[in-house]
PDB file of N, CA and C in Angstrom:
ATOM      1  N   UNK A   1       0.533   0.695  -1.244  1.00  0.00           N
ATOM      2  CA  UNK A   1      -0.029   2.125  -1.767  1.00  0.00           C
ATOM      3  C   UNK A   1       0.836   3.225  -1.219  1.00  0.00           C
ATOM      4  N   UNK A   2       2.017   2.779  -0.888  1.00  0.00           N
ATOM      5  CA  UNK A   2       2.974   3.766  -0.350  1.00  0.00           C
ATOM      6  C   UNK A   2       3.260   5.069  -1.463  1.00  0.00           C
ATOM      7  N   UNK A   3       3.461   4.666  -2.591  1.00  0.00           N
ATOM      8  CA  UNK A   3       3.783   5.657  -3.648  1.00  0.00           C
ATOM      9  C   UNK A   3       2.575   6.542  -4.016  1.00  0.00           C
ATOM     10  N   UNK A   4       1.484   6.021  -3.847  1.00  0.00           N
ATOM     11  CA  UNK A   4       0.212   6.763  -4.290  1.00  0.00           C
ATOM     12  C   UNK A   4      -0.146   7.607  -3.087  1.00  0.00           C
ATOM     13  N   UNK A   5      -0.021   7.140  -1.970  1.00  0.00           N
ATOM     14  CA  UNK A   5      -0.334   8.135  -0.828  1.00  0.00           C
ATOM     15  C   UNK A   5       0.720   9.238  -0.770  1.00  0.00           C
ATOM     16  N   UNK A   6       1.810   8.946  -1.061  1.00  0.00           N
ATOM     17  CA  UNK A   6       2.872  10.240  -1.209  1.00  0.00           C
ATOM     18  C   UNK A   6       2.335  11.418  -2.107  1.00  0.00           C
ATOM     19  N   UNK A   7       1.479  11.156  -3.079  1.00  0.00           N
ATOM     20  CA  UNK A   7       0.678  12.024  -3.824  1.00  0.00           C
ATOM     21  C   UNK A   7      -0.175  13.273  -3.029  1.00  0.00           C
ATOM     22  N   UNK A   8      -0.821  12.678  -2.293  1.00  0.00           N
ATOM     23  CA  UNK A   8      -1.722  13.350  -1.548  1.00  0.00           C
ATOM     24  C   UNK A   8      -1.512  13.802  -0.169  1.00  0.00           C
ATOM     25  N   UNK A   9      -0.402  13.007   0.466  1.00  0.00           N
ATOM     26  CA  UNK A   9       0.205  13.252   1.783  1.00  0.00           C
ATOM     27  C   UNK A   9      -1.278  13.493   2.779  1.00  0.00           C
ATOM     28  N   UNK A  10      -1.639  12.427   2.694  1.00  0.00           N
ATOM     29  CA  UNK A  10      -2.977  12.212   3.553  1.00  0.00           C
ATOM     30  C   UNK A  10      -2.801  12.817   5.042  1.00  0.00           C
ATOM     31  N   UNK A  11      -1.662  12.720   5.512  1.00  0.00           N
ATOM     32  CA  UNK A  11      -1.324  13.214   7.134  1.00  0.00           C
ATOM     33  C   UNK A  11      -1.422  14.617   6.942  1.00  0.00           C
ATOM     34  N   UNK A  12      -1.231  15.386   5.951  1.00  0.00           N
ATOM     35  CA  UNK A  12      -0.991  16.795   6.099  1.00  0.00           C
ATOM     36  C   UNK A  12      -1.927  17.432   5.285  1.00  0.00           C
ATOM     37  N   UNK A  13      -2.196  17.380   3.972  1.00  0.00           N
ATOM     38  CA  UNK A  13      -2.988  17.989   3.199  1.00  0.00           C
ATOM     39  C   UNK A  13      -4.152  17.032   2.464  1.00  0.00           C
ATOM     40  N   UNK A  14      -5.299  17.654   2.597  1.00  0.00           N
ATOM     41  CA  UNK A  14      -6.369  16.779   2.100  1.00  0.00           C
ATOM     42  C   UNK A  14      -7.008  17.429   0.727  1.00  0.00           C
ATOM     43  N   UNK A  15      -6.272  18.541   0.385  1.00  0.00           N
ATOM     44  CA  UNK A  15      -6.784  19.301  -0.770  1.00  0.00           C
ATOM     45  C   UNK A  15      -5.995  19.202  -2.241  1.00  0.00           C
ATOM     46  N   UNK A  16      -4.976  18.288  -2.386  1.00  0.00           N
ATOM     47  CA  UNK A  16      -4.217  18.305  -3.431  1.00  0.00           C
ATOM     48  C   UNK A  16      -4.843  17.584  -4.612  1.00  0.00           C
ATOM     49  N   UNK A  17      -4.693  18.115  -5.695  1.00  0.00           N
ATOM     50  CA  UNK A  17      -5.455  17.312  -6.974  1.00  0.00           C
ATOM     51  C   UNK A  17      -4.239  16.813  -7.811  1.00  0.00           C
ATOM     52  N   UNK A  18      -4.439  15.698  -8.540  1.00  0.00           N
ATOM     53  CA  UNK A  18      -3.361  15.347  -9.264  1.00  0.00           C
ATOM     54  C   UNK A  18      -3.807  14.810 -10.564  1.00  0.00           C
ATOM     55  N   UNK A  19      -3.048  14.784 -11.740  1.00  0.00           N
ATOM     56  CA  UNK A  19      -3.487  14.538 -12.936  1.00  0.00           C
ATOM     57  C   UNK A  19      -3.587  13.085 -12.993  1.00  0.00           C
ATOM     58  N   UNK A  20      -4.269  12.336 -14.294  1.00  0.00           N
ATOM     59  CA  UNK A  20      -4.468  10.973 -14.088  1.00  0.00           C
ATOM     60  C   UNK A  20      -3.281  10.347 -14.478  1.00  0.00           C
ATOM     61  N   UNK A  21      -2.130  11.019 -15.213  1.00  0.00           N
ATOM     62  CA  UNK A  21      -0.917  10.390 -15.671  1.00  0.00           C
ATOM     63  C   UNK A  21      -0.127  10.398 -14.271  1.00  0.00           C
ATOM     64  N   UNK A  22      -0.064  11.323 -13.294  1.00  0.00           N
ATOM     65  CA  UNK A  22       0.886  10.973 -12.136  1.00  0.00           C
ATOM     66  C   UNK A  22       0.225   9.863 -11.394  1.00  0.00           C
ATOM     67  N   UNK A  23      -1.357   9.891 -11.171  1.00  0.00           N
ATOM     68  CA  UNK A  23      -1.729   8.654 -10.566  1.00  0.00           C
ATOM     69  C   UNK A  23      -1.578   7.362 -11.141  1.00  0.00           C
ATOM     70  N   UNK A  24      -1.465   7.321 -12.413  1.00  0.00           N
ATOM     71  CA  UNK A  24      -1.346   6.157 -13.046  1.00  0.00           C
ATOM     72  C   UNK A  24       0.202   5.641 -12.917  1.00  0.00           C
ATOM     73  N   UNK A  25       1.022   6.436 -12.868  1.00  0.00           N
ATOM     74  CA  UNK A  25       2.613   6.543 -12.816  1.00  0.00           C
ATOM     75  C   UNK A  25       2.765   5.669 -11.276  1.00  0.00           C
ATOM     76  N   UNK A  26       2.298   6.278 -10.444  1.00  0.00           N
ATOM     77  CA  UNK A  26       2.388   5.865  -9.133  1.00  0.00           C
ATOM     78  C   UNK A  26       1.766   4.372  -9.038  1.00  0.00           C
ATOM     79  N   UNK A  27       0.493   4.112  -9.413  1.00  0.00           N
ATOM     80  CA  UNK A  27      -0.238   2.992  -9.491  1.00  0.00           C
ATOM     81  C   UNK A  27       0.659   1.726  -9.979  1.00  0.00           C
ATOM     82  N   UNK A  28       1.595   2.171 -11.047  1.00  0.00           N
ATOM     83  CA  UNK A  28       2.451   1.079 -11.696  1.00  0.00           C
ATOM     84  C   UNK A  28       3.372   0.409 -10.582  1.00  0.00           C
ATOM     85  N   UNK A  29       3.566   1.106  -9.347  1.00  0.00           N
ATOM     86  CA  UNK A  29       4.547   0.573  -8.419  1.00  0.00           C
ATOM     87  C   UNK A  29       3.598  -0.017  -7.310  1.00  0.00           C
ATOM     88  N   UNK A  30       2.517  -0.346  -7.519  1.00  0.00           N
ATOM     89  CA  UNK A  30       1.721  -0.975  -6.431  1.00  0.00           C
ATOM     90  C   UNK A  30       1.238  -2.232  -6.968  1.00  0.00           C
ATOM     91  N   UNK A  31       0.899  -3.275  -5.961  1.00  0.00           N
ATOM     92  CA  UNK A  31       0.489  -4.584  -6.147  1.00  0.00           C
ATOM     93  C   UNK A  31       1.279  -5.596  -5.477  1.00  0.00           C
ATOM     94  N   UNK A  32       0.302  -6.481  -4.851  1.00  0.00           N
ATOM     95  CA  UNK A  32       1.100  -7.592  -4.139  1.00  0.00           C
ATOM     96  C   UNK A  32       1.844  -8.598  -4.890  1.00  0.00           C
ATOM     97  N   UNK A  33       1.435  -8.594  -6.335  1.00  0.00           N
ATOM     98  CA  UNK A  33       2.244  -9.554  -7.177  1.00  0.00           C
ATOM     99  C   UNK A  33       3.466  -9.017  -7.328  1.00  0.00           C
ATOM    100  N   UNK A  34       4.089  -7.821  -7.044  1.00  0.00           N
ATOM    101  CA  UNK A  34       5.458  -7.145  -7.214  1.00  0.00           C
ATOM    102  C   UNK A  34       6.220  -7.490  -6.000  1.00  0.00           C
ATOM    103  N   UNK A  35       5.800  -8.022  -5.196  1.00  0.00           N
ATOM    104  CA  UNK A  35       6.450  -8.457  -3.918  1.00  0.00           C
ATOM    105  C   UNK A  35       6.973  -9.696  -3.921  1.00  0.00           C
ATOM    106  N   UNK A  36       8.382  -9.908  -3.789  1.00  0.00           N
ATOM    107  CA  UNK A  36       8.845 -11.440  -3.927  1.00  0.00           C
ATOM    108  C   UNK A  36       9.672 -11.778  -2.590  1.00  0.00           C
ATOM    109  N   UNK A  37       9.288 -12.867  -2.283  1.00  0.00           N
ATOM    110  CA  UNK A  37      10.073 -13.400  -1.042  1.00  0.00           C
ATOM    111  C   UNK A  37      11.067 -14.605  -1.442  1.00  0.00           C
ATOM    112  N   UNK A  38      12.175 -14.607  -1.061  1.00  0.00           N
ATOM    113  CA  UNK A  38      13.069 -15.563  -1.060  1.00  0.00           C
ATOM    114  C   UNK A  38      13.995 -15.571  -0.129  1.00  0.00           C
ATOM    115  N   UNK A  39      14.200 -16.903   0.610  1.00  0.00           N
ATOM    116  CA  UNK A  39      14.807 -17.228   1.576  1.00  0.00           C
ATOM    117  C   UNK A  39      14.862 -16.141   2.728  1.00  0.00           C
ATOM    118  N   UNK A  40      13.579 -15.942   3.186  1.00  0.00           N
ATOM    119  CA  UNK A  40      13.112 -15.106   4.127  1.00  0.00           C
ATOM    120  C   UNK A  40      13.580 -13.512   3.867  1.00  0.00           C
ATOM    121  N   UNK A  41      13.713 -13.364   2.518  1.00  0.00           N
ATOM    122  CA  UNK A  41      14.281 -11.819   2.271  1.00  0.00           C
ATOM    123  C   UNK A  41      12.963 -11.159   1.545  1.00  0.00           C
ATOM    124  N   UNK A  42      12.569 -10.093   1.446  1.00  0.00           N
ATOM    125  CA  UNK A  42      11.447  -9.390   0.727  1.00  0.00           C
ATOM    126  C   UNK A  42      12.410  -8.648  -0.287  1.00  0.00           C
ATOM    127  N   UNK A  43      11.725  -8.708  -1.590  1.00  0.00           N
ATOM    128  CA  UNK A  43      12.287  -7.983  -2.782  1.00  0.00           C
ATOM    129  C   UNK A  43      11.130  -7.430  -3.472  1.00  0.00           C
ATOM    130  N   UNK A  44      11.306  -5.922  -3.520  1.00  0.00           N
ATOM    131  CA  UNK A  44      10.139  -5.276  -4.351  1.00  0.00           C
ATOM    132  C   UNK A  44      10.584  -5.143  -5.976  1.00  0.00           C
ATOM    133  N   UNK A  45       9.587  -5.612  -6.923  1.00  0.00           N
ATOM    134  CA  UNK A  45      10.059  -5.724  -8.246  1.00  0.00           C
ATOM    135  C   UNK A  45      10.374  -4.255  -8.864  1.00  0.00           C
ATOM    136  N   UNK A  46       9.905  -3.204  -8.394  1.00  0.00           N
ATOM    137  CA  UNK A  46      10.136  -2.050  -9.085  1.00  0.00           C
ATOM    138  C   UNK A  46      10.888  -0.940  -8.281  1.00  0.00           C
ATOM    139  N   UNK A  47      11.755  -0.128  -8.580  1.00  0.00           N
ATOM    140  CA  UNK A  47      12.245   0.962  -7.924  1.00  0.00           C
ATOM    141  C   UNK A  47      11.385   1.955  -7.577  1.00  0.00           C
ATOM    142  N   UNK A  48      11.413   2.155  -6.488  1.00  0.00           N
ATOM    143  CA  UNK A  48      10.280   3.235  -5.894  1.00  0.00           C
ATOM    144  C   UNK A  48       8.982   2.678  -5.261  1.00  0.00           C
ATOM    145  N   UNK A  49       8.982   1.379  -5.164  1.00  0.00           N
ATOM    146  CA  UNK A  49       7.896   0.619  -4.402  1.00  0.00           C
ATOM    147  C   UNK A  49       8.340   0.708  -2.964  1.00  0.00           C
ATOM    148  N   UNK A  50       7.000   0.765  -2.131  1.00  0.00           N
ATOM    149  CA  UNK A  50       7.040   0.780  -0.703  1.00  0.00           C
ATOM    150  C   UNK A  50       6.274  -0.037  -0.081  1.00  0.00           C
ATOM    151  N   UNK A  51       6.581  -0.823   0.997  1.00  0.00           N
ATOM    152  CA  UNK A  51       5.647  -1.417   1.697  1.00  0.00           C
ATOM    153  C   UNK A  51       4.990  -0.808   3.017  1.00  0.00           C
ATOM    154  N   UNK A  52       3.663  -0.963   3.017  1.00  0.00           N
ATOM    155  CA  UNK A  52       2.955  -0.080   4.115  1.00  0.00           C
ATOM    156  C   UNK A  52       2.120  -1.148   5.055  1.00  0.00           C
ATOM    157  N   UNK A  53       2.587  -0.962   6.222  1.00  0.00           N
ATOM    158  CA  UNK A  53       1.847  -2.234   7.165  1.00  0.00           C
ATOM    159  C   UNK A  53       0.749  -1.424   7.756  1.00  0.00           C
ATOM    160  N   UNK A  54       0.231  -0.382   7.390  1.00  0.00           N
ATOM    161  CA  UNK A  54      -0.980  -0.237   8.086  1.00  0.00           C
ATOM    162  C   UNK A  54      -2.138  -0.972   7.938  1.00  0.00           C
ATOM    163  N   UNK A  55      -2.430  -1.544   6.908  1.00  0.00           N
ATOM    164  CA  UNK A  55      -3.418  -2.756   6.662  1.00  0.00           C
ATOM    165  C   UNK A  55      -3.420  -3.963   7.580  1.00  0.00           C
ATOM    166  N   UNK A  56      -2.104  -4.337   7.964  1.00  0.00           N
ATOM    167  CA  UNK A  56      -1.854  -5.618   8.595  1.00  0.00           C
ATOM    168  C   UNK A  56      -2.700  -5.546  10.104  1.00  0.00           C
ATOM    169  N   UNK A  57      -2.786  -4.427  10.699  1.00  0.00           N
ATOM    170  CA  UNK A  57      -3.505  -4.285  12.047  1.00  0.00           C
ATOM    171  C   UNK A  57      -5.063  -4.394  11.656  1.00  0.00           C
ATOM    172  N   UNK A  58      -5.493  -3.641  10.677  1.00  0.00           N
ATOM    173  CA  UNK A  58      -6.802  -3.523  10.423  1.00  0.00           C
ATOM    174  C   UNK A  58      -7.399  -5.035   9.855  1.00  0.00           C
ATOM    175  N   UNK A  59      -6.387  -5.661   9.030  1.00  0.00           N
ATOM    176  CA  UNK A  59      -6.788  -7.279   8.862  1.00  0.00           C
ATOM    177  C   UNK A  59      -6.958  -7.897  10.022  1.00  0.00           C
ATOM    178  N   UNK A  60      -6.004  -7.870  10.940  1.00  0.00           N
ATOM    179  CA  UNK A  60      -6.072  -8.684  11.970  1.00  0.00           C
ATOM    180  C   UNK A  60      -7.195  -8.459  12.907  1.00  0.00           C
ATOM    181  N   UNK A  61      -7.604  -7.239  13.106  1.00  0.00           N
ATOM    182  CA  UNK A  61      -8.648  -6.950  13.811  1.00  0.00           C
ATOM    183  C   UNK A  61     -10.074  -7.339  13.019  1.00  0.00           C
ATOM    184  N   UNK A  62     -10.017  -7.426  11.772  1.00  0.00           N
ATOM    185  CA  UNK A  62     -11.422  -7.851  11.150  1.00  0.00           C
ATOM    186  C   UNK A  62     -11.377  -9.107  11.220  1.00  0.00           C
ATOM    187  N   UNK A  63     -10.150  -9.910  11.084  1.00  0.00           N
ATOM    188  CA  UNK A  63     -10.104 -11.431  11.312  1.00  0.00           C
ATOM    189  C   UNK A  63     -10.725 -11.908  12.754  1.00  0.00           C
ATOM    190  N   UNK A  64     -10.421 -11.061  13.732  1.00  0.00           N
ATOM    191  CA  UNK A  64     -10.764 -11.137  15.250  1.00  0.00           C
ATOM    192  C   UNK A  64     -12.199 -11.022  15.397  1.00  0.00           C
ATOM    193  N   UNK A  65     -12.704 -10.109  14.688  1.00  0.00           N
ATOM    194  CA  UNK A  65     -14.145  -9.694  14.784  1.00  0.00           C
ATOM    195  C   UNK A  65     -14.881 -10.787  13.976  1.00  0.00           C
ATOM    196  N   UNK A  66     -14.356 -11.225  12.895  1.00  0.00           N
ATOM    197  CA  UNK A  66     -15.155 -12.147  12.333  1.00  0.00           C
ATOM    198  C   UNK A  66     -15.221 -13.541  12.836  1.00  0.00           C
ATOM    199  N   UNK A  67     -14.189 -13.936  13.768  1.00  0.00           N
ATOM    200  CA  UNK A  67     -14.274 -15.004  14.608  1.00  0.00           C
ATOM    201  C   UNK A  67     -15.232 -14.845  15.687  1.00  0.00           C
ATOM    202  N   UNK A  68     -15.118 -13.706  16.325  1.00  0.00           N
ATOM    203  CA  UNK A  68     -16.239 -13.438  17.519  1.00  0.00           C
ATOM    204  C   UNK A  68     -17.543 -13.607  17.019  1.00  0.00           C
ATOM    205  N   UNK A  69     -17.801 -13.023  15.744  1.00  0.00           N
ATOM    206  CA  UNK A  69     -19.301 -13.202  15.102  1.00  0.00           C
ATOM    207  C   UNK A  69     -19.662 -14.512  14.720  1.00  0.00           C
ATOM    208  N   UNK A  70     -18.900 -15.403  14.316  1.00  0.00           N
ATOM    209  CA  UNK A  70     -19.028 -16.644  14.282  1.00  0.00           C
ATOM    210  C   UNK A  70     -19.268 -17.185  15.254  1.00  0.00           C
TER     211      UNK A  70
END
């Protein structure tokens, strides 16, 4: 979601508005199916794609909470 997050700069300005075309253009650079792994190397299919690791810690936390609740 890195390219999309750049539109709003969530950490700075929460009031930005963007047109549908700009959003769709950025969304074309998002998706796990566009991440390729070869010989322990990560390749991104499209120029301008970004990896964003913010979800990893959240995913781990949810997994741990689910184990505790089970």
